[in-house]
Amino acid sequence: MTPRNSRTNHPAGRTTRDPQSARAIRSTAHAAQFEDSASSAYRPAYMPGSQGRAANSAYERQSAASQYSRMNPNYTAASSRRASRGKKIAIGVVAAVLAVVLFGGTAFALYFNSINDQLTRGTKTQEELDAITDALAPKTTSNFTEPFYMMLIGSDRREDGSVEGARSDTNIVVRVDPTQNQVTMVSIPRDTCIDIDGYGQNKFNAAYNFGGAAATIREASELCDVEISHYAEVNFEELVALVDAVGGVDVEVDERIDDPDAGNIVIEAGTQHLDGEAALVFARSRAYVDGDFTRTANQRKLIMAIVEKVLAMPVTDLPGVIQSAARCVTTDLSATDIISLAQQFKDSGDLTIYSGMVPSTTGYIGEISYVFTDEAALKEMMEVVEAGEDPSGIVASGVAPTPGSSSSGGTSDSYNYSYNDGSAYYGDSGYTDSGYYDPDYGSNSTDYGADTGYGTGYSDSLA
């Protein structure tokens, strides 16, 4: 790595940055749906309210909600103390899980057994694992012959491992259908307004702080009205090692990335081969006019690039990749479960991936910004998901998706996303980001006004 105070050209279309150089270029771009962040942190019980704690007063609920608002200077100050290596990025949730699942065949049975404890326990205590088991729906079958729902969680916490202030910034409900070789992902915006038992009105990502992964699973199950029987929690501090393990990835960079908050690497526009550290910058940067929307579009590109790279790798190269993925993932699925699931996928033909985001609008309650679920549209979306169909065309009331397409190699990708002024999938009326600074998410001084964006997903058929 070139020293931070130099600026040297690299062959992969990137340079390191002089810290006094201009801040990152901000520009409009496509919107999409993942969010970010990961790791594990523990709260011993689902909700203190379940132990007889009186409901918080309105003031306490407001305080609890504002604690996790990026406009709270105390939260911002705490965020700024996180070292860059402490930043957990969960954009590779799907890539990591697929890397383990798709190549978990019988040939690797002994290998998986050797890392089984790492997969199923990670850093969690038995009490936390028991709470997660209680939150998951009973398993109807152990041989994966029926579709099931799985919760993918990406959380962040302090570098010292403390859970105070931890949030789940990536929350994805996944329907897995091994018989049809199909995966459908529904992303829940982290700022979604929900009522948390014992804490009242709050943001979805606060559930993780109050009750750990178990609370997040319960809230997601209630919001989407599905029974979630499995989960995976991802620590993407290991993203660098995972990308390096596959030999780097090729992605199309729409706009030059020069964002000191994301890392000390500049990535030029165009097709670039990214190593692990460059991939982390590509996934982290939100220094765009539309902030999270472009970032999540880039994250999806990175996920698919990792999956495509893994699919093209010879079997002899896979053990190291799987080991890197296992370091990222804690799941209730044992090595034996993964092998069984992998065999189901291998026997079912080409893999199809659908993706969508919970239909939402944004606004304020008091001085706190929230994302509000369009419940009718979400009900329709989940019916489509349950039917094994593409949910990407379902948006919040009055919004139609704008289609586009892209394809490369052996993958056919149909993307639907848009960033519009005056209409909303992820609608935003008068949402102002000026007046605060959050180093976890880049520097922002953006008034979205009536600008809105929506990400309606993609359909991928992997040959």
Protein backbone atom coordinates (compact mmCIF):
# COMPACT_ATOMS: atom_id res chain seq x y z
CA MET A 1 0.00 0.00 0.00
CA THR A 2 1.37 3.36 -0.97
CA PRO A 3 1.76 5.78 1.97
CA ARG A 4 -1.26 7.96 2.63
CA ASN A 5 0.59 11.20 1.87
CA SER A 6 1.50 10.16 -1.66
CA ARG A 7 -0.49 9.87 -4.86
CA THR A 8 0.85 7.17 -7.14
CA ASN A 9 -0.81 5.63 -10.18
CA HIS A 10 -1.76 1.98 -9.89
CA PRO A 11 -2.34 -0.32 -12.87
CA ALA A 12 -5.90 -1.09 -11.74
CA GLY A 13 -7.18 2.38 -12.50
CA ARG A 14 -6.69 3.65 -8.98
CA THR A 15 -4.38 5.89 -7.01
CA THR A 16 -3.72 6.57 -3.38
CA ARG A 17 -4.77 9.95 -2.10
CA ASP A 18 -3.11 13.01 -0.73
CA PRO A 19 -5.36 13.73 2.27
CA GLN A 20 -5.42 17.41 1.29
CA SER A 21 -6.85 16.65 -2.17
CA ALA A 22 -10.36 17.62 -3.19
CA ARG A 23 -13.20 15.77 -1.54
CA ALA A 24 -15.06 13.11 -3.42
CA ILE A 25 -16.98 14.02 -6.54
CA ARG A 26 -20.72 14.01 -5.98
CA SER A 27 -23.05 13.09 -8.79
CA THR A 28 -26.41 11.58 -9.52
CA ALA A 29 -26.57 7.90 -10.31
CA HIS A 30 -28.79 4.86 -10.31
CA ALA A 31 -30.47 3.79 -7.10
CA ALA A 32 -30.60 0.27 -5.80
CA GLN A 33 -31.25 -1.67 -2.74
CA PHE A 34 -28.64 -3.09 -0.42
CA GLU A 35 -27.45 -1.19 2.58
CA ASP A 36 -24.24 -1.87 4.52
CA SER A 37 -22.38 -3.21 7.52
CA ALA A 38 -21.82 -6.35 9.62
CA SER A 39 -20.55 -8.36 12.65
CA SER A 40 -22.03 -9.89 15.77
CA ALA A 41 -22.93 -8.28 19.08
CA TYR A 42 -24.97 -9.70 21.95
CA ARG A 43 -27.91 -8.71 24.04
CA PRO A 44 -28.97 -11.56 26.38
CA ALA A 45 -32.72 -11.20 25.99
CA TYR A 46 -34.96 -10.27 23.09
CA MET A 47 -36.55 -7.31 24.80
CA PRO A 48 -36.37 -6.00 28.33
CA GLY A 49 -40.07 -5.26 27.93
CA SER A 50 -40.76 -8.98 27.91
CA GLN A 51 -39.41 -9.13 31.46
CA GLY A 52 -42.03 -6.78 32.81
CA ARG A 53 -40.30 -3.48 32.09
CA ALA A 54 -42.80 -0.66 31.85
CA ALA A 55 -43.24 0.90 28.44
CA ASN A 56 -41.09 3.93 27.91
CA SER A 57 -42.60 7.36 28.13
CA ALA A 58 -42.98 9.37 24.95
CA TYR A 59 -39.86 11.29 25.92
CA GLU A 60 -37.87 8.09 26.44
CA ARG A 61 -39.06 6.68 23.12
CA GLN A 62 -38.05 9.88 21.37
CA SER A 63 -34.65 9.69 23.07
CA ALA A 64 -34.22 6.06 22.12
CA ALA A 65 -35.02 6.81 18.50
CA SER A 66 -32.82 9.88 18.35
CA GLN A 67 -29.93 7.89 19.83
CA TYR A 68 -29.62 6.03 16.55
CA SER A 69 -30.27 8.99 14.27
CA ARG A 70 -27.30 10.11 12.21
CA MET A 71 -28.34 13.66 13.14
CA ASN A 72 -27.53 13.00 16.80
CA PRO A 73 -24.13 14.62 17.50
CA ASN A 74 -23.42 12.17 20.31
CA TYR A 75 -23.94 9.20 18.03
CA THR A 76 -21.87 10.92 15.36
CA ALA A 77 -19.06 11.53 17.83
CA ALA A 78 -19.12 7.90 18.85
CA SER A 79 -19.05 6.85 15.22
CA SER A 80 -16.00 8.98 14.56
CA ARG A 81 -14.04 7.02 17.13
CA ARG A 82 -14.34 3.85 15.14
CA ALA A 83 -11.07 2.94 13.47
CA SER A 84 -11.31 2.10 9.79
CA ARG A 85 -10.63 -1.58 10.47
CA GLY A 86 -13.54 -1.59 12.85
CA LYS A 87 -15.96 -0.69 10.09
CA LYS A 88 -18.09 -3.69 9.26
CA ILE A 89 -19.33 -3.81 5.68
CA ALA A 90 -21.95 -6.43 4.91
CA ILE A 91 -22.39 -5.80 1.22
CA GLY A 92 -20.97 -9.27 0.53
CA VAL A 93 -23.67 -11.07 2.51
CA VAL A 94 -25.00 -12.91 -0.49
CA ALA A 95 -21.58 -13.42 -2.05
CA ALA A 96 -20.17 -14.91 1.14
CA VAL A 97 -23.14 -17.19 1.75
CA LEU A 98 -23.25 -18.35 -1.87
CA ALA A 99 -19.51 -18.98 -1.83
CA VAL A 100 -20.07 -21.36 1.07
CA VAL A 101 -23.35 -22.85 -0.13
CA LEU A 102 -22.78 -23.34 -3.85
CA PHE A 103 -19.49 -25.13 -3.37
CA GLY A 104 -20.17 -27.10 -0.23
CA GLY A 105 -20.36 -30.46 -2.02
CA THR A 106 -19.42 -33.82 -0.55
CA ALA A 107 -15.77 -33.42 -1.55
CA PHE A 108 -15.52 -30.71 1.10
CA ALA A 109 -17.41 -32.53 3.85
CA LEU A 110 -14.42 -33.07 6.10
CA TYR A 111 -13.20 -29.56 5.46
CA PHE A 112 -16.53 -28.07 6.46
CA ASN A 113 -16.72 -30.22 9.55
CA SER A 114 -13.39 -28.79 10.65
CA ILE A 115 -14.80 -25.26 10.54
CA ASN A 116 -18.30 -26.15 11.70
CA ASP A 117 -17.89 -24.51 15.09
CA GLN A 118 -16.65 -21.34 13.44
CA LEU A 119 -19.71 -21.26 11.19
CA THR A 120 -22.35 -21.96 13.82
CA ARG A 121 -20.96 -20.15 16.84
CA GLY A 122 -18.57 -17.44 15.75
CA THR A 123 -18.03 -15.17 18.76
CA LYS A 124 -21.51 -15.67 20.21
CA THR A 125 -22.25 -17.06 23.66
CA GLN A 126 -24.54 -20.01 24.22
CA GLU A 127 -27.16 -17.70 25.72
CA GLU A 128 -27.21 -15.62 22.56
CA LEU A 129 -27.38 -18.71 20.35
CA ASP A 130 -30.34 -19.98 22.41
CA ALA A 131 -32.13 -16.64 21.95
CA ILE A 132 -31.62 -16.87 18.18
CA THR A 133 -32.94 -20.43 18.14
CA ASP A 134 -36.06 -19.27 19.99
CA ALA A 135 -36.58 -16.46 17.45
CA LEU A 136 -36.36 -18.77 14.44
CA ALA A 137 -39.41 -20.68 13.25
CA PRO A 138 -39.38 -24.47 13.75
CA LYS A 139 -37.83 -26.34 10.85
CA THR A 140 -40.36 -28.36 8.88
CA THR A 141 -37.69 -30.42 7.12
CA SER A 142 -33.98 -31.00 7.50
CA ASN A 143 -33.20 -31.94 3.91
CA PHE A 144 -34.10 -28.64 2.18
CA THR A 145 -36.76 -30.06 -0.11
CA GLU A 146 -39.08 -27.08 0.45
CA PRO A 147 -38.64 -23.30 0.12
CA PHE A 148 -37.69 -21.47 3.32
CA TYR A 149 -36.99 -17.94 4.54
CA MET A 150 -33.63 -16.85 5.87
CA MET A 151 -32.54 -13.62 7.57
CA LEU A 152 -29.28 -12.02 6.49
CA ILE A 153 -27.94 -9.47 8.97
CA GLY A 154 -25.04 -7.08 8.70
CA SER A 155 -24.26 -5.15 11.89
CA ASP A 156 -21.65 -2.70 13.09
CA ARG A 157 -20.14 -2.25 16.52
CA ARG A 158 -17.13 -0.59 18.10
CA GLU A 159 -13.67 -1.91 17.40
CA ASP A 160 -13.35 -3.01 21.04
CA GLY A 161 -16.31 -5.32 20.49
CA SER A 162 -18.75 -3.50 22.77
CA VAL A 163 -22.40 -3.73 21.80
CA GLU A 164 -23.34 -0.24 22.96
CA GLY A 165 -24.66 1.59 19.93
CA ALA A 166 -24.48 -1.47 17.65
CA ARG A 167 -26.91 -1.40 14.73
CA SER A 168 -27.99 -3.79 11.99
CA ASP A 169 -27.45 -1.67 8.91
CA THR A 170 -28.08 -4.50 6.46
CA ASN A 171 -31.30 -6.47 6.86
CA ILE A 172 -32.37 -8.80 4.08
CA VAL A 173 -35.20 -11.33 4.18
CA VAL A 174 -34.33 -14.09 1.73
CA ARG A 175 -36.59 -16.76 0.27
CA VAL A 176 -34.52 -19.78 -0.72
CA ASP A 177 -36.08 -22.38 -3.03
CA PRO A 178 -33.61 -25.22 -3.62
CA THR A 179 -36.09 -27.11 -5.81
CA GLN A 180 -36.19 -24.25 -8.32
CA ASN A 181 -32.61 -23.07 -7.71
CA GLN A 182 -34.01 -19.66 -6.86
CA VAL A 183 -33.12 -16.98 -4.31
CA THR A 184 -35.27 -13.88 -3.71
CA MET A 185 -33.98 -11.05 -1.55
CA VAL A 186 -36.09 -8.33 0.08
CA SER A 187 -34.06 -5.57 1.70
CA ILE A 188 -35.46 -3.69 4.71
CA PRO A 189 -34.33 -0.03 4.94
CA ARG A 190 -32.43 0.44 8.18
CA ASP A 191 -34.44 3.57 9.12
CA THR A 192 -37.81 1.82 8.78
CA CYS A 193 -40.19 2.99 11.52
CA ILE A 194 -41.36 0.12 13.75
CA ASP A 195 -42.64 -0.39 17.31
CA ILE A 196 -40.11 -2.35 19.35
CA ASP A 197 -41.42 -4.20 22.40
CA GLY A 198 -40.38 -2.30 25.52
CA TYR A 199 -38.92 0.61 23.55
CA GLY A 200 -41.83 1.89 21.51
CA GLN A 201 -41.37 3.69 18.22
CA ASN A 202 -37.89 3.33 16.80
CA LYS A 203 -35.85 2.55 13.72
CA PHE A 204 -35.47 -1.01 12.50
CA ASN A 205 -31.73 -1.05 12.96
CA ALA A 206 -32.09 -0.24 16.67
CA ALA A 207 -33.65 -3.67 17.27
CA TYR A 208 -30.20 -5.22 17.01
CA ASN A 209 -28.87 -2.98 19.77
CA PHE A 210 -31.81 -3.75 22.04
CA GLY A 211 -32.03 -7.51 21.44
CA GLY A 212 -29.28 -8.71 19.13
CA ALA A 213 -29.84 -10.91 16.10
CA ALA A 214 -32.85 -12.54 17.78
CA ALA A 215 -34.69 -9.20 17.94
CA THR A 216 -33.84 -8.39 14.34
CA ILE A 217 -35.19 -11.75 13.19
CA ARG A 218 -38.45 -11.25 15.09
CA GLU A 219 -38.99 -7.73 13.77
CA ALA A 220 -38.28 -8.77 10.18
CA SER A 221 -40.64 -11.73 10.48
CA GLU A 222 -43.41 -9.48 11.78
CA LEU A 223 -42.83 -6.76 9.19
CA CYS A 224 -42.82 -9.12 6.20
CA ASP A 225 -45.35 -11.57 7.69
CA VAL A 226 -43.23 -14.66 7.02
CA GLU A 227 -41.74 -17.39 9.18
CA ILE A 228 -37.96 -17.15 9.18
CA SER A 229 -36.32 -20.50 9.87
CA HIS A 230 -32.62 -19.74 9.27
CA TYR A 231 -30.24 -16.82 9.62
CA ALA A 232 -26.74 -15.68 8.74
CA GLU A 233 -24.88 -12.77 10.29
CA VAL A 234 -21.94 -11.35 8.41
CA ASN A 235 -18.79 -9.57 9.59
CA PHE A 236 -17.38 -7.87 6.56
CA GLU A 237 -14.26 -6.62 8.17
CA GLU A 238 -13.07 -9.70 6.27
CA LEU A 239 -14.28 -8.38 2.90
CA VAL A 240 -10.72 -7.48 1.87
CA ALA A 241 -9.50 -11.04 2.44
CA LEU A 242 -12.50 -12.54 0.64
CA VAL A 243 -12.02 -10.46 -2.51
CA ASP A 244 -8.29 -11.13 -2.47
CA ALA A 245 -8.99 -14.86 -2.05
CA VAL A 246 -10.85 -14.92 -5.36
CA GLY A 247 -8.07 -12.98 -7.08
CA GLY A 248 -9.87 -9.65 -7.19
CA VAL A 249 -12.96 -8.76 -9.20
CA ASP A 250 -13.81 -6.77 -12.32
CA VAL A 251 -16.51 -4.12 -11.98
CA GLU A 252 -17.80 -1.26 -14.09
CA VAL A 253 -17.21 1.99 -12.21
CA ASP A 254 -19.72 4.57 -13.44
CA GLU A 255 -18.00 7.56 -11.87
CA ARG A 256 -14.58 8.29 -10.46
CA ILE A 257 -14.42 7.60 -6.72
CA ASP A 258 -12.24 9.92 -4.66
CA ASP A 259 -13.67 9.68 -1.15
CA PRO A 260 -11.31 9.98 1.85
CA ASP A 261 -14.09 8.81 4.17
CA ALA A 262 -14.28 5.50 2.31
CA GLY A 263 -10.53 4.91 2.20
CA ASN A 264 -7.20 6.04 0.85
CA ILE A 265 -7.70 4.79 -2.71
CA VAL A 266 -8.98 6.64 -5.77
CA ILE A 267 -10.80 4.50 -8.35
CA GLU A 268 -11.11 5.80 -11.90
CA ALA A 269 -14.26 5.45 -13.98
CA GLY A 270 -14.50 2.54 -16.40
CA THR A 271 -13.96 -1.19 -16.10
CA GLN A 272 -11.56 -1.78 -13.23
CA HIS A 273 -9.99 -4.82 -11.61
CA LEU A 274 -10.30 -4.28 -7.86
CA ASP A 275 -8.32 -5.98 -5.14
CA GLY A 276 -9.76 -6.32 -1.64
CA GLU A 277 -8.93 -2.85 -0.37
CA ALA A 278 -10.16 -1.15 -3.54
CA ALA A 279 -13.35 -3.24 -3.41
CA LEU A 280 -13.96 -2.03 0.14
CA VAL A 281 -13.67 1.60 -0.99
CA PHE A 282 -16.00 0.87 -3.92
CA ALA A 283 -18.56 -0.58 -1.50
CA ARG A 284 -18.20 2.06 1.21
CA SER A 285 -18.32 5.32 -0.69
CA ARG A 286 -21.56 7.25 -0.46
CA ALA A 287 -20.15 10.59 -1.59
CA TYR A 288 -22.77 11.11 -4.27
CA VAL A 289 -25.70 13.47 -4.60
CA ASP A 290 -28.02 10.55 -3.87
CA GLY A 291 -25.77 9.07 -1.17
CA ASP A 292 -26.91 5.58 -0.21
CA PHE A 293 -28.66 4.85 -3.50
CA THR A 294 -25.49 4.88 -5.60
CA ARG A 295 -23.55 3.16 -2.84
CA THR A 296 -26.03 0.30 -2.72
CA ALA A 297 -25.96 0.01 -6.51
CA ASN A 298 -22.18 -0.36 -6.29
CA GLN A 299 -22.55 -2.92 -3.53
CA ARG A 300 -24.82 -5.03 -5.70
CA LYS A 301 -22.30 -4.87 -8.53
CA LEU A 302 -19.62 -6.08 -6.16
CA ILE A 303 -21.76 -8.94 -4.85
CA MET A 304 -22.45 -10.20 -8.35
CA ALA A 305 -18.80 -9.80 -9.35
CA ILE A 306 -17.72 -11.95 -6.40
CA VAL A 307 -20.34 -14.61 -7.16
CA GLU A 308 -19.41 -14.71 -10.84
CA LYS A 309 -15.72 -15.02 -9.98
CA VAL A 310 -16.38 -17.87 -7.57
CA LEU A 311 -18.58 -19.69 -10.09
CA ALA A 312 -15.74 -19.57 -12.62
CA MET A 313 -13.07 -20.88 -10.25
CA PRO A 314 -11.69 -24.42 -10.43
CA VAL A 315 -12.64 -26.68 -7.54
CA THR A 316 -9.04 -26.84 -6.35
CA ASP A 317 -9.08 -23.11 -5.61
CA LEU A 318 -12.22 -23.18 -3.50
CA PRO A 319 -11.03 -24.26 -0.02
CA GLY A 320 -9.27 -20.94 0.59
CA VAL A 321 -12.31 -19.01 -0.61
CA ILE A 322 -14.63 -21.00 1.62
CA GLN A 323 -12.37 -20.43 4.60
CA SER A 324 -12.47 -16.68 3.97
CA ALA A 325 -16.26 -16.79 3.69
CA ALA A 326 -16.57 -18.83 6.89
CA ARG A 327 -14.63 -16.18 8.78
CA CYS A 328 -17.27 -13.67 7.69
CA VAL A 329 -20.41 -15.67 8.44
CA THR A 330 -22.11 -16.94 11.60
CA THR A 331 -25.18 -19.05 10.83
CA ASP A 332 -27.48 -21.67 12.33
CA LEU A 333 -26.69 -23.87 9.31
CA SER A 334 -24.15 -26.54 10.13
CA ALA A 335 -21.54 -27.78 7.68
CA THR A 336 -23.76 -30.80 7.04
CA ASP A 337 -26.74 -28.52 6.35
CA ILE A 338 -24.68 -26.49 3.91
CA ILE A 339 -23.53 -29.60 2.07
CA SER A 340 -27.12 -30.83 1.79
CA LEU A 341 -28.34 -27.45 0.57
CA ALA A 342 -25.49 -27.21 -1.92
CA GLN A 343 -26.40 -30.58 -3.38
CA GLN A 344 -30.00 -29.43 -3.82
CA PHE A 345 -28.82 -26.37 -5.73
CA LYS A 346 -26.42 -28.37 -7.87
CA ASP A 347 -29.20 -30.74 -8.92
CA SER A 348 -31.69 -28.00 -9.84
CA GLY A 349 -30.10 -26.24 -12.81
CA ASP A 350 -29.17 -22.59 -13.24
CA LEU A 351 -29.38 -20.21 -10.29
CA THR A 352 -31.89 -17.36 -10.46
CA ILE A 353 -31.69 -14.38 -8.11
CA TYR A 354 -34.51 -11.85 -7.67
CA SER A 355 -34.23 -8.74 -5.54
CA GLY A 356 -36.42 -5.96 -4.20
CA MET A 357 -36.68 -3.44 -1.39
CA VAL A 358 -39.57 -3.00 1.03
CA PRO A 359 -41.77 -0.33 -0.65
CA SER A 360 -41.26 2.81 1.40
CA THR A 361 -41.51 6.56 1.69
CA THR A 362 -39.55 8.86 3.99
CA GLY A 363 -40.46 11.67 6.34
CA TYR A 364 -40.10 12.97 9.86
CA ILE A 365 -41.63 12.42 13.27
CA GLY A 366 -40.57 15.43 15.26
CA GLU A 367 -36.98 16.06 14.27
CA ILE A 368 -36.16 12.42 13.54
CA SER A 369 -36.17 11.11 9.97
CA TYR A 370 -37.77 7.73 9.29
CA VAL A 371 -38.59 5.42 6.43
CA PHE A 372 -42.28 4.45 6.37
CA THR A 373 -43.45 1.15 4.91
CA ASP A 374 -46.23 1.11 2.33
CA GLU A 375 -47.98 -1.85 3.96
CA ALA A 376 -50.35 -2.58 1.08
CA ALA A 377 -47.49 -2.63 -1.42
CA LEU A 378 -45.38 -4.78 0.90
CA LYS A 379 -48.21 -7.30 1.25
CA GLU A 380 -48.42 -7.51 -2.53
CA MET A 381 -44.64 -7.85 -2.78
CA MET A 382 -44.48 -10.72 -0.31
CA GLU A 383 -47.27 -12.54 -2.14
CA VAL A 384 -45.19 -12.30 -5.30
CA VAL A 385 -42.10 -13.48 -3.42
CA GLU A 386 -43.97 -16.44 -1.96
CA ALA A 387 -45.14 -17.39 -5.46
CA GLY A 388 -41.52 -17.54 -6.61
CA GLU A 389 -41.86 -14.58 -8.95
CA ASP A 390 -39.86 -11.39 -9.50
CA PRO A 391 -40.90 -8.69 -6.97
CA SER A 392 -38.84 -5.90 -8.52
CA GLY A 393 -41.76 -4.15 -10.21
CA ILE A 394 -43.65 -3.53 -6.96
CA VAL A 395 -43.07 -0.07 -5.53
CA ALA A 396 -44.74 2.35 -3.15
CA SER A 397 -48.13 3.75 -4.19
CA GLY A 398 -48.15 5.82 -7.36
CA VAL A 399 -44.64 4.90 -8.49
CA ALA A 400 -43.77 2.91 -11.60
CA PRO A 401 -40.36 1.27 -12.11
CA THR A 402 -38.08 2.50 -14.86
CA PRO A 403 -36.55 -0.45 -16.72
CA GLY A 404 -33.03 -0.80 -17.97
CA SER A 405 -30.81 -3.71 -18.90
CA SER A 406 -27.24 -4.88 -18.71
CA SER A 407 -25.56 -8.15 -19.53
CA SER A 408 -22.07 -9.62 -19.54
CA GLY A 409 -20.44 -12.99 -19.92
CA GLY A 410 -22.52 -15.96 -18.82
CA THR A 411 -24.82 -13.84 -16.68
CA SER A 412 -28.03 -12.20 -17.81
CA ASP A 413 -28.89 -9.30 -15.53
CA SER A 414 -32.10 -7.33 -15.81
CA TYR A 415 -31.83 -4.23 -13.65
CA ASN A 416 -34.67 -1.92 -12.74
CA TYR A 417 -33.72 1.18 -10.84
CA SER A 418 -34.17 4.87 -11.12
CA TYR A 419 -33.50 8.16 -9.42
CA ASN A 420 -36.26 10.70 -9.99
CA ASP A 421 -37.34 14.13 -8.83
CA GLY A 422 -40.84 14.25 -7.47
CA SER A 423 -41.89 10.60 -7.19
CA ALA A 424 -40.94 7.91 -4.77
CA TYR A 425 -40.20 4.28 -4.31
CA TYR A 426 -37.92 5.27 -1.51
CA GLY A 427 -39.58 8.65 -1.49
CA ASP A 428 -38.12 11.65 0.24
CA SER A 429 -40.02 14.85 0.82
CA GLY A 430 -37.91 17.58 2.34
CA TYR A 431 -35.25 15.23 3.67
CA THR A 432 -32.23 17.33 4.61
CA ASP A 433 -28.87 15.79 5.40
CA SER A 434 -27.06 19.03 6.05
CA GLY A 435 -25.89 19.97 9.50
CA TYR A 436 -24.29 16.75 10.62
CA TYR A 437 -21.27 14.68 9.81
CA ASP A 438 -21.07 10.91 10.05
CA PRO A 439 -17.66 9.47 9.17
CA ASP A 440 -19.17 6.01 8.77
CA TYR A 441 -21.19 7.16 5.80
CA GLY A 442 -19.11 9.93 4.28
CA SER A 443 -19.50 13.68 4.44
CA ASN A 444 -22.89 14.99 3.45
CA SER A 445 -24.38 18.38 2.89
CA THR A 446 -27.28 17.41 0.72
CA ASP A 447 -30.85 18.66 0.70
CA TYR A 448 -32.86 16.12 -1.20
CA GLY A 449 -35.94 18.36 -1.25
CA ALA A 450 -38.50 16.52 -3.34
CA ASP A 451 -35.85 14.32 -4.93
CA THR A 452 -36.58 10.64 -4.65
CA GLY A 453 -35.09 7.40 -5.75
CA TYR A 454 -36.04 3.81 -5.86
CA GLY A 455 -34.28 0.54 -6.45
CA THR A 456 -36.45 -2.19 -7.80
CA GLY A 457 -33.99 -4.98 -8.09
CA TYR A 458 -32.64 -7.37 -10.64
CA SER A 459 -33.17 -10.82 -12.00
CA ASP A 460 -30.06 -12.90 -12.49
CA SER A 461 -29.79 -16.21 -14.27
CA LEU A 462 -26.36 -17.65 -13.63
CA ALA A 463 -25.23 -20.22 -16.14
